[in-house]
Amino acid sequence: MRLLPWTDADGKPCYLSTDNPHSLLSQLADDIEAAQLASAEQVLAGARAVLGDPKAGDRALRFALTRALESLGDVLRVAVRKGAG
């Protein structure tokens, strides 16, 4: 069973049961994971910039932290999947 990089409507994990790593759904999951990792790199750079700016206000800090938490969740899901595979 492969942990997919998305959840169902209730926030529960979704899994794919296939022996074909080249199936359409497997390829879609790979593409989404790659996009999530690339996005996390951008979020990290943005968060560092905000934290390095002594003039950054509460709104900017909250935004950076919110995006960082979202990205961390995505990256952890990819890591769990890769470690379990």
C-alpha atoms as a PDB file:
ATOM      1  CA  MET A   1       0.000   0.000   0.000  1.00  0.00           C
ATOM      2  CA  ARG A   2       1.331   3.403  -0.969  1.00  0.00           C
ATOM      3  CA  LEU A   3       0.548   6.446   1.151  1.00  0.00           C
ATOM      4  CA  LEU A   4      -0.681   9.137  -1.242  1.00  0.00           C
ATOM      5  CA  PRO A   5       0.251  12.829  -0.902  1.00  0.00           C
ATOM      6  CA  TRP A   6      -3.342  13.873  -0.213  1.00  0.00           C
ATOM      7  CA  THR A   7      -6.093  13.103   2.277  1.00  0.00           C
ATOM      8  CA  ASP A   8      -9.789  12.388   1.929  1.00  0.00           C
ATOM      9  CA  ALA A   9     -12.529  14.904   2.737  1.00  0.00           C
ATOM     10  CA  ASP A  10     -12.274  14.016   6.430  1.00  0.00           C
ATOM     11  CA  GLY A  11      -8.498  14.538   6.513  1.00  0.00           C
ATOM     12  CA  LYS A  12      -7.736  10.817   6.691  1.00  0.00           C
ATOM     13  CA  PRO A  13      -4.804   9.382   4.718  1.00  0.00           C
ATOM     14  CA  CYS A  14      -5.399   7.870   1.296  1.00  0.00           C
ATOM     15  CA  TYR A  15      -3.598   4.780   0.062  1.00  0.00           C
ATOM     16  CA  LEU A  16      -3.030   3.216  -3.338  1.00  0.00           C
ATOM     17  CA  SER A  17      -2.929  -0.535  -3.757  1.00  0.00           C
ATOM     18  CA  THR A  18      -1.029  -1.425  -6.922  1.00  0.00           C
ATOM     19  CA  ASP A  19       2.009  -3.379  -8.017  1.00  0.00           C
ATOM     20  CA  ASN A  20       2.589  -0.956 -10.902  1.00  0.00           C
ATOM     21  CA  PRO A  21       4.730   2.059  -9.932  1.00  0.00           C
ATOM     22  CA  HIS A  22       4.120   3.425 -13.448  1.00  0.00           C
ATOM     23  CA  SER A  23       0.332   3.519 -13.203  1.00  0.00           C
ATOM     24  CA  LEU A  24      -1.389   6.814 -13.932  1.00  0.00           C
ATOM     25  CA  LEU A  25      -2.262   7.362 -10.267  1.00  0.00           C
ATOM     26  CA  SER A  26       1.274   6.471  -9.132  1.00  0.00           C
ATOM     27  CA  GLN A  27       2.723   8.963 -11.609  1.00  0.00           C
ATOM     28  CA  LEU A  28       0.268  11.639 -10.463  1.00  0.00           C
ATOM     29  CA  ALA A  29       1.275  11.030  -6.839  1.00  0.00           C
ATOM     30  CA  ASP A  30       4.978  11.255  -7.805  1.00  0.00           C
ATOM     31  CA  ASP A  31       4.349  14.552  -9.605  1.00  0.00           C
ATOM     32  CA  ILE A  32       2.440  16.003  -6.655  1.00  0.00           C
ATOM     33  CA  GLU A  33       5.154  14.927  -4.207  1.00  0.00           C
ATOM     34  CA  ALA A  34       7.803  16.595  -6.396  1.00  0.00           C
ATOM     35  CA  ALA A  35       5.732  19.788  -6.519  1.00  0.00           C
ATOM     36  CA  GLN A  36       5.241  19.706  -2.735  1.00  0.00           C
ATOM     37  CA  LEU A  37       8.981  19.380  -2.143  1.00  0.00           C
ATOM     38  CA  ALA A  38       9.759  22.213  -4.566  1.00  0.00           C
ATOM     39  CA  SER A  39       7.140  24.391  -2.896  1.00  0.00           C
ATOM     40  CA  ALA A  40       8.607  23.607   0.529  1.00  0.00           C
ATOM     41  CA  GLU A  41      11.991  24.913  -0.645  1.00  0.00           C
ATOM     42  CA  GLN A  42      10.361  28.186  -1.693  1.00  0.00           C
ATOM     43  CA  VAL A  43       8.412  28.450   1.559  1.00  0.00           C
ATOM     44  CA  LEU A  44      11.593  27.855   3.550  1.00  0.00           C
ATOM     45  CA  ALA A  45      13.399  30.621   1.681  1.00  0.00           C
ATOM     46  CA  GLY A  46      10.466  32.979   2.207  1.00  0.00           C
ATOM     47  CA  ALA A  47      10.207  32.161   5.913  1.00  0.00           C
ATOM     48  CA  ARG A  48      13.920  32.779   6.371  1.00  0.00           C
ATOM     49  CA  ALA A  49      13.559  36.152   4.675  1.00  0.00           C
ATOM     50  CA  VAL A  50      10.653  37.142   6.921  1.00  0.00           C
ATOM     51  CA  LEU A  51      12.457  36.015  10.067  1.00  0.00           C
ATOM     52  CA  GLY A  52      15.573  37.883   8.982  1.00  0.00           C
ATOM     53  CA  ASP A  53      13.635  41.109   8.523  1.00  0.00           C
ATOM     54  CA  PRO A  54      13.465  42.988  11.825  1.00  0.00           C
ATOM     55  CA  LYS A  55      10.655  45.136  10.382  1.00  0.00           C
ATOM     56  CA  ALA A  56       8.413  42.157   9.582  1.00  0.00           C
ATOM     57  CA  GLY A  57       5.100  42.510  11.342  1.00  0.00           C
ATOM     58  CA  ASP A  58       2.827  40.006  12.998  1.00  0.00           C
ATOM     59  CA  ARG A  59       0.860  39.450   9.798  1.00  0.00           C
ATOM     60  CA  ALA A  60       3.964  38.524   7.801  1.00  0.00           C
ATOM     61  CA  LEU A  61       5.207  36.248  10.570  1.00  0.00           C
ATOM     62  CA  ARG A  62       1.844  34.479  10.858  1.00  0.00           C
ATOM     63  CA  PHE A  63       1.671  34.009   7.095  1.00  0.00           C
ATOM     64  CA  ALA A  64       5.210  32.599   6.952  1.00  0.00           C
ATOM     65  CA  LEU A  65       4.538  30.245   9.866  1.00  0.00           C
ATOM     66  CA  THR A  66       1.225  29.058   8.400  1.00  0.00           C
ATOM     67  CA  ARG A  67       2.833  28.255   5.037  1.00  0.00           C
ATOM     68  CA  ALA A  68       5.796  26.591   6.796  1.00  0.00           C
ATOM     69  CA  LEU A  69       3.458  24.337   8.790  1.00  0.00           C
ATOM     70  CA  GLU A  70       1.577  23.339   5.641  1.00  0.00           C
ATOM     71  CA  SER A  71       4.825  22.548   3.867  1.00  0.00           C
ATOM     72  CA  LEU A  72       6.185  20.623   6.831  1.00  0.00           C
ATOM     73  CA  GLY A  73       3.085  18.429   6.800  1.00  0.00           C
ATOM     74  CA  ASP A  74       3.548  17.750   3.081  1.00  0.00           C
ATOM     75  CA  VAL A  75       7.251  16.969   3.449  1.00  0.00           C
ATOM     76  CA  LEU A  76       6.636  14.647   6.401  1.00  0.00           C
ATOM     77  CA  ARG A  77       4.030  12.739   4.383  1.00  0.00           C
ATOM     78  CA  VAL A  78       6.545  12.308   1.526  1.00  0.00           C
ATOM     79  CA  ALA A  79       9.232  11.204   4.002  1.00  0.00           C
ATOM     80  CA  VAL A  80       6.931   8.638   5.604  1.00  0.00           C
ATOM     81  CA  ARG A  81       5.998   7.282   2.195  1.00  0.00           C
ATOM     82  CA  LYS A  82       9.595   7.060   1.010  1.00  0.00           C
ATOM     83  CA  GLY A  83      10.745   5.461   4.260  1.00  0.00           C
ATOM     84  CA  ALA A  84       7.969   2.901   4.156  1.00  0.00           C
ATOM     85  CA  GLY A  85       8.579   1.949   0.506  1.00  0.00           C
END
